[in-house]
PDB file of all heavy atoms in Angstrom:
ATOM      1  N   ASN A   1     -95.032  59.540  10.697  1.00  0.00           N
ATOM      2  CA  ASN A   1     -94.153  58.732  11.538  1.00  0.00           C
ATOM      3  C   ASN A   1     -94.933  57.659  12.283  1.00  0.00           C
ATOM      4  O   ASN A   1     -94.442  57.086  13.244  1.00  0.00           O
ATOM      5  CB  ASN A   1     -93.422  59.633  12.545  1.00  0.00           C
ATOM      6  CG  ASN A   1     -92.174  58.978  13.112  1.00  0.00           C
ATOM      7  OD1 ASN A   1     -91.315  58.496  12.375  1.00  0.00           O
ATOM      8  ND2 ASN A   1     -92.065  58.938  14.434  1.00  0.00           N
ATOM      9  N   LYS A   2     -96.134  57.367  11.813  1.00  0.00           N
ATOM     10  CA  LYS A   2     -96.971  56.379  12.479  1.00  0.00           C
ATOM     11  C   LYS A   2     -96.616  54.955  12.071  1.00  0.00           C
ATOM     12  O   LYS A   2     -96.139  54.701  10.966  1.00  0.00           O
ATOM     13  CB  LYS A   2     -98.452  56.615  12.160  1.00  0.00           C
ATOM     14  CG  LYS A   2     -99.063  57.785  12.883  1.00  0.00           C
ATOM     15  CD  LYS A   2    -100.571  57.760  12.834  1.00  0.00           C
ATOM     16  CE  LYS A   2    -101.114  57.961  11.445  1.00  0.00           C
ATOM     17  NZ  LYS A   2    -102.587  58.104  11.427  1.00  0.00           N
ATOM     18  N   GLY A   3     -96.924  54.021  12.981  1.00  0.00           N
ATOM     19  CA  GLY A   3     -96.942  52.602  12.664  1.00  0.00           C
ATOM     20  C   GLY A   3     -98.283  52.057  13.099  1.00  0.00           C
ATOM     21  O   GLY A   3     -98.764  52.367  14.204  1.00  0.00           O
ATOM     22  N   LEU A   4     -98.916  51.280  12.247  1.00  0.00           N
ATOM     23  CA  LEU A   4    -100.186  50.644  12.593  1.00  0.00           C
ATOM     24  C   LEU A   4    -100.006  49.137  12.620  1.00  0.00           C
ATOM     25  O   LEU A   4     -99.283  48.570  11.790  1.00  0.00           O
ATOM     26  CB  LEU A   4    -101.274  51.010  11.579  1.00  0.00           C
ATOM     27  CG  LEU A   4    -101.700  52.471  11.504  1.00  0.00           C
ATOM     28  CD1 LEU A   4    -102.825  52.629  10.477  1.00  0.00           C
ATOM     29  CD2 LEU A   4    -102.147  52.995  12.857  1.00  0.00           C
ATOM     30  N   VAL A   5    -100.659  48.481  13.583  1.00  0.00           N
ATOM     31  CA  VAL A   5    -100.661  47.018  13.658  1.00  0.00           C
ATOM     32  C   VAL A   5    -102.095  46.536  13.839  1.00  0.00           C
ATOM     33  O   VAL A   5    -102.928  47.231  14.420  1.00  0.00           O
ATOM     34  CB  VAL A   5     -99.774  46.499  14.819  1.00  0.00           C
ATOM     35  CG1 VAL A   5     -98.308  46.797  14.560  1.00  0.00           C
ATOM     36  CG2 VAL A   5    -100.201  47.092  16.153  1.00  0.00           C
ATOM     37  N   HIS A   6    -102.352  45.357  13.318  1.00  0.00           N
ATOM     38  CA  HIS A   6    -103.684  44.749  13.413  1.00  0.00           C
ATOM     39  C   HIS A   6    -103.508  43.259  13.658  1.00  0.00           C
ATOM     40  O   HIS A   6    -102.772  42.591  12.922  1.00  0.00           O
ATOM     41  CB  HIS A   6    -104.481  44.989  12.128  1.00  0.00           C
ATOM     42  CG  HIS A   6    -105.766  44.218  12.069  1.00  0.00           C
ATOM     43  ND1 HIS A   6    -106.848  44.514  12.871  1.00  0.00           N
ATOM     44  CD2 HIS A   6    -106.130  43.157  11.302  1.00  0.00           C
ATOM     45  CE1 HIS A   6    -107.837  43.664  12.604  1.00  0.00           C
ATOM     46  NE2 HIS A   6    -107.429  42.831  11.656  1.00  0.00           N
ATOM     47  N   VAL A   7    -104.166  42.740  14.690  1.00  0.00           N
ATOM     48  CA  VAL A   7    -103.982  41.349  15.120  1.00  0.00           C
ATOM     49  C   VAL A   7    -105.228  40.528  14.796  1.00  0.00           C
ATOM     50  O   VAL A   7    -106.364  40.975  15.012  1.00  0.00           O
ATOM     51  CB  VAL A   7    -103.697  41.275  16.634  1.00  0.00           C
ATOM     52  CG1 VAL A   7    -103.433  39.841  17.061  1.00  0.00           C
ATOM     53  CG2 VAL A   7    -102.522  42.161  17.002  1.00  0.00           C
ATOM     54  N   GLU A   8    -105.011  39.315  14.295  1.00  0.00           N
ATOM     55  CA  GLU A   8    -106.084  38.344  14.084  1.00  0.00           C
ATOM     56  C   GLU A   8    -105.619  36.974  14.581  1.00  0.00           C
ATOM     57  O   GLU A   8    -104.411  36.699  14.633  1.00  0.00           O
ATOM     58  CB  GLU A   8    -106.458  38.243  12.601  1.00  0.00           C
ATOM     59  CG  GLU A   8    -107.153  39.467  12.038  1.00  0.00           C
ATOM     60  CD  GLU A   8    -108.579  39.651  12.539  1.00  0.00           C
ATOM     61  OE1 GLU A   8    -109.086  38.725  13.228  1.00  0.00           O
ATOM     62  OE2 GLU A   8    -109.170  40.694  12.248  1.00  0.00           O
ATOM     63  N   LEU A   9    -106.562  36.132  14.932  1.00  0.00           N
ATOM     64  CA  LEU A   9    -106.284  34.765  15.366  1.00  0.00           C
ATOM     65  C   LEU A   9    -107.033  33.824  14.437  1.00  0.00           C
ATOM     66  O   LEU A   9    -108.232  34.019  14.171  1.00  0.00           O
ATOM     67  CB  LEU A   9    -106.766  34.580  16.816  1.00  0.00           C
ATOM     68  CG  LEU A   9    -106.157  33.462  17.652  1.00  0.00           C
ATOM     69  CD1 LEU A   9    -104.654  33.628  17.788  1.00  0.00           C
ATOM     70  CD2 LEU A   9    -106.812  33.437  19.042  1.00  0.00           C
ATOM     71  N   HIS A  10    -106.312  32.823  13.902  1.00  0.00           N
ATOM     72  CA  HIS A  10    -106.960  31.919  12.949  1.00  0.00           C
ATOM     73  C   HIS A  10    -106.328  30.542  13.013  1.00  0.00           C
ATOM     74  O   HIS A  10    -105.126  30.377  12.765  1.00  0.00           O
ATOM     75  CB  HIS A  10    -106.847  32.472  11.522  1.00  0.00           C
ATOM     76  CG  HIS A  10    -107.506  31.604  10.493  1.00  0.00           C
ATOM     77  ND1 HIS A  10    -108.883  31.525  10.347  1.00  0.00           N
ATOM     78  CD2 HIS A  10    -106.974  30.768   9.574  1.00  0.00           C
ATOM     79  CE1 HIS A  10    -109.159  30.673   9.376  1.00  0.00           C
ATOM     80  NE2 HIS A  10    -108.022  30.197   8.887  1.00  0.00           N
ATOM     81  N   ASP A  11    -107.132  29.557  13.360  1.00  0.00           N
ATOM     82  CA  ASP A  11    -106.737  28.152  13.261  1.00  0.00           C
ATOM     83  C   ASP A  11    -105.383  27.873  13.922  1.00  0.00           C
ATOM     84  O   ASP A  11    -104.517  27.201  13.351  1.00  0.00           O
ATOM     85  CB  ASP A  11    -106.706  27.733  11.787  1.00  0.00           C
ATOM     86  CG  ASP A  11    -106.746  26.207  11.619  1.00  0.00           C
ATOM     87  OD1 ASP A  11    -107.203  25.524  12.557  1.00  0.00           O
ATOM     88  OD2 ASP A  11    -106.312  25.720  10.559  1.00  0.00           O
ATOM     89  N   GLY A  12    -105.207  28.408  15.125  1.00  0.00           N
ATOM     90  CA  GLY A  12    -103.989  28.133  15.875  1.00  0.00           C
ATOM     91  C   GLY A  12    -102.822  29.049  15.584  1.00  0.00           C
ATOM     92  O   GLY A  12    -101.723  28.832  16.114  1.00  0.00           O
ATOM     93  N   TYR A  13    -103.033  30.064  14.757  1.00  0.00           N
ATOM     94  CA  TYR A  13    -101.966  31.014  14.440  1.00  0.00           C
ATOM     95  C   TYR A  13    -102.415  32.433  14.794  1.00  0.00           C
ATOM     96  O   TYR A  13    -103.588  32.783  14.636  1.00  0.00           O
ATOM     97  CB  TYR A  13    -101.594  30.967  12.950  1.00  0.00           C
ATOM     98  CG  TYR A  13    -100.838  29.711  12.575  1.00  0.00           C
ATOM     99  CD1 TYR A  13    -101.522  28.574  12.146  1.00  0.00           C
ATOM    100  CD2 TYR A  13     -99.446  29.669  12.653  1.00  0.00           C
ATOM    101  CE1 TYR A  13    -100.839  27.415  11.806  1.00  0.00           C
ATOM    102  CE2 TYR A  13     -98.755  28.518  12.315  1.00  0.00           C
ATOM    103  CZ  TYR A  13     -99.450  27.401  11.902  1.00  0.00           C
ATOM    104  OH  TYR A  13     -98.767  26.261  11.577  1.00  0.00           O
ATOM    105  N   VAL A  14    -101.463  33.225  15.264  1.00  0.00           N
ATOM    106  CA  VAL A  14    -101.705  34.648  15.463  1.00  0.00           C
ATOM    107  C   VAL A  14    -101.045  35.390  14.307  1.00  0.00           C
ATOM    108  O   VAL A  14     -99.882  35.149  13.979  1.00  0.00           O
ATOM    109  CB  VAL A  14    -101.179  35.140  16.830  1.00  0.00           C
ATOM    110  CG1 VAL A  14     -99.701  34.863  17.032  1.00  0.00           C
ATOM    111  CG2 VAL A  14    -101.484  36.624  17.017  1.00  0.00           C
ATOM    112  N   HIS A  15    -101.829  36.246  13.662  1.00  0.00           N
ATOM    113  CA  HIS A  15    -101.355  36.997  12.508  1.00  0.00           C
ATOM    114  C   HIS A  15    -101.355  38.481  12.849  1.00  0.00           C
ATOM    115  O   HIS A  15    -102.329  38.995  13.403  1.00  0.00           O
ATOM    116  CB  HIS A  15    -102.247  36.753  11.287  1.00  0.00           C
ATOM    117  CG  HIS A  15    -101.816  37.549  10.082  1.00  0.00           C
ATOM    118  ND1 HIS A  15    -102.242  38.841   9.850  1.00  0.00           N
ATOM    119  CD2 HIS A  15    -100.982  37.236   9.055  1.00  0.00           C
ATOM    120  CE1 HIS A  15    -101.693  39.288   8.731  1.00  0.00           C
ATOM    121  NE2 HIS A  15    -100.927  38.335   8.231  1.00  0.00           N
ATOM    122  N   ILE A  16    -100.260  39.158  12.515  1.00  0.00           N
ATOM    123  CA  ILE A  16    -100.156  40.589  12.754  1.00  0.00           C
ATOM    124  C   ILE A  16     -99.817  41.283  11.442  1.00  0.00           C
ATOM    125  O   ILE A  16     -98.820  40.956  10.797  1.00  0.00           O
ATOM    126  CB  ILE A  16     -99.075  40.936  13.804  1.00  0.00           C
ATOM    127  CG1 ILE A  16     -99.234  40.086  15.056  1.00  0.00           C
ATOM    128  CG2 ILE A  16     -99.140  42.423  14.153  1.00  0.00           C
ATOM    129  CD1 ILE A  16     -98.330  38.870  15.105  1.00  0.00           C
ATOM    130  N   ALA A  17    -100.657  42.219  11.043  1.00  0.00           N
ATOM    131  CA  ALA A  17    -100.345  43.098   9.931  1.00  0.00           C
ATOM    132  C   ALA A  17     -99.694  44.353  10.497  1.00  0.00           C
ATOM    133  O   ALA A  17    -100.106  44.857  11.548  1.00  0.00           O
ATOM    134  CB  ALA A  17    -101.598  43.451   9.146  1.00  0.00           C
ATOM    135  N   SER A  18     -98.676  44.853   9.816  1.00  0.00           N
ATOM    136  CA  SER A  18     -97.943  46.028  10.278  1.00  0.00           C
ATOM    137  C   SER A  18     -97.599  46.897   9.078  1.00  0.00           C
ATOM    138  O   SER A  18     -97.241  46.373   8.020  1.00  0.00           O
ATOM    139  CB  SER A  18     -96.656  45.595  10.999  1.00  0.00           C
ATOM    140  OG  SER A  18     -95.816  46.691  11.277  1.00  0.00           O
ATOM    141  N   CYS A  19     -97.726  48.223   9.228  1.00  0.00           N
ATOM    142  CA  CYS A  19     -97.353  49.093   8.118  1.00  0.00           C
ATOM    143  C   CYS A  19     -96.743  50.390   8.632  1.00  0.00           C
ATOM    144  O   CYS A  19     -97.115  50.903   9.690  1.00  0.00           O
ATOM    145  CB  CYS A  19     -98.530  49.379   7.192  1.00  0.00           C
ATOM    146  SG  CYS A  19     -99.971  50.115   7.974  1.00  0.00           S
ATOM    147  N   ILE A  20     -95.749  50.880   7.880  1.00  0.00           N
ATOM    148  CA  ILE A  20     -95.071  52.139   8.171  1.00  0.00           C
ATOM    149  C   ILE A  20     -94.706  52.803   6.849  1.00  0.00           C
ATOM    150  O   ILE A  20     -94.778  52.187   5.786  1.00  0.00           O
ATOM    151  CB  ILE A  20     -93.770  51.929   8.995  1.00  0.00           C
ATOM    152  CG1 ILE A  20     -92.755  51.097   8.198  1.00  0.00           C
ATOM    153  CG2 ILE A  20     -94.058  51.316  10.350  1.00  0.00           C
ATOM    154  CD1 ILE A  20     -91.353  51.051   8.809  1.00  0.00           C
ATOM    155  N   ASP A  21     -94.293  54.074   6.928  1.00  0.00           N
ATOM    156  CA  ASP A  21     -93.617  54.724   5.811  1.00  0.00           C
ATOM    157  C   ASP A  21     -92.130  54.415   5.951  1.00  0.00           C
ATOM    158  O   ASP A  21     -91.511  54.749   6.960  1.00  0.00           O
ATOM    159  CB  ASP A  21     -93.866  56.237   5.868  1.00  0.00           C
ATOM    160  CG  ASP A  21     -93.307  56.972   4.659  1.00  0.00           C
ATOM    161  OD1 ASP A  21     -92.119  56.745   4.327  1.00  0.00           O
ATOM    162  OD2 ASP A  21     -94.021  57.789   4.064  1.00  0.00           O
ATOM    163  N   ASN A  22     -91.541  53.791   4.943  1.00  0.00           N
ATOM    164  CA  ASN A  22     -90.134  53.362   5.061  1.00  0.00           C
ATOM    165  C   ASN A  22     -89.162  54.525   5.204  1.00  0.00           C
ATOM    166  O   ASN A  22     -88.098  54.386   5.809  1.00  0.00           O
ATOM    167  CB  ASN A  22     -89.728  52.503   3.853  1.00  0.00           C
ATOM    168  CG  ASN A  22     -89.852  53.229   2.534  1.00  0.00           C
ATOM    169  OD1 ASN A  22     -90.957  53.602   2.129  1.00  0.00           O
ATOM    170  ND2 ASN A  22     -88.743  53.440   1.848  1.00  0.00           N
ATOM    171  N   LEU A  23     -89.500  55.705   4.673  1.00  0.00           N
ATOM    172  CA  LEU A  23     -88.601  56.848   4.753  1.00  0.00           C
ATOM    173  C   LEU A  23     -88.809  57.683   6.012  1.00  0.00           C
ATOM    174  O   LEU A  23     -87.931  58.460   6.386  1.00  0.00           O
ATOM    175  CB  LEU A  23     -88.781  57.758   3.530  1.00  0.00           C
ATOM    176  CG  LEU A  23     -88.329  57.179   2.191  1.00  0.00           C
ATOM    177  CD1 LEU A  23     -88.593  58.182   1.073  1.00  0.00           C
ATOM    178  CD2 LEU A  23     -86.861  56.794   2.217  1.00  0.00           C
ATOM    179  N   VAL A  24     -89.950  57.531   6.680  1.00  0.00           N
ATOM    180  CA  VAL A  24     -90.234  58.337   7.863  1.00  0.00           C
ATOM    181  C   VAL A  24     -90.067  57.472   9.108  1.00  0.00           C
ATOM    182  O   VAL A  24     -89.002  57.432   9.710  1.00  0.00           O
ATOM    183  CB  VAL A  24     -91.626  59.005   7.780  1.00  0.00           C
ATOM    184  CG1 VAL A  24     -91.809  59.984   8.940  1.00  0.00           C
ATOM    185  CG2 VAL A  24     -91.785  59.759   6.469  1.00  0.00           C
ATOM    186  N   LYS A  25     -91.085  56.712   9.481  1.00  0.00           N
ATOM    187  CA  LYS A  25     -90.926  55.849  10.658  1.00  0.00           C
ATOM    188  C   LYS A  25     -89.809  54.829  10.446  1.00  0.00           C
ATOM    189  O   LYS A  25     -89.137  54.412  11.399  1.00  0.00           O
ATOM    190  CB  LYS A  25     -92.247  55.132  10.973  1.00  0.00           C
ATOM    191  CG  LYS A  25     -92.204  54.231  12.213  1.00  0.00           C
ATOM    192  CD  LYS A  25     -91.804  55.000  13.464  1.00  0.00           C
ATOM    193  CE  LYS A  25     -91.867  54.087  14.696  1.00  0.00           C
ATOM    194  NZ  LYS A  25     -91.243  54.725  15.881  1.00  0.00           N
ATOM    195  N   GLY A  26     -89.567  54.442   9.197  1.00  0.00           N
ATOM    196  CA  GLY A  26     -88.502  53.486   8.913  1.00  0.00           C
ATOM    197  C   GLY A  26     -87.133  54.099   8.747  1.00  0.00           C
ATOM    198  O   GLY A  26     -86.161  53.381   8.535  1.00  0.00           O
TER     199      GLY A  26
END
């Protein structure tokens, strides 16, 4: 039931990666 996020900053943009299990946390 976890969700993980990871943030990066690049050339004026903030990027966030996000992942979950679609059947559990989703």
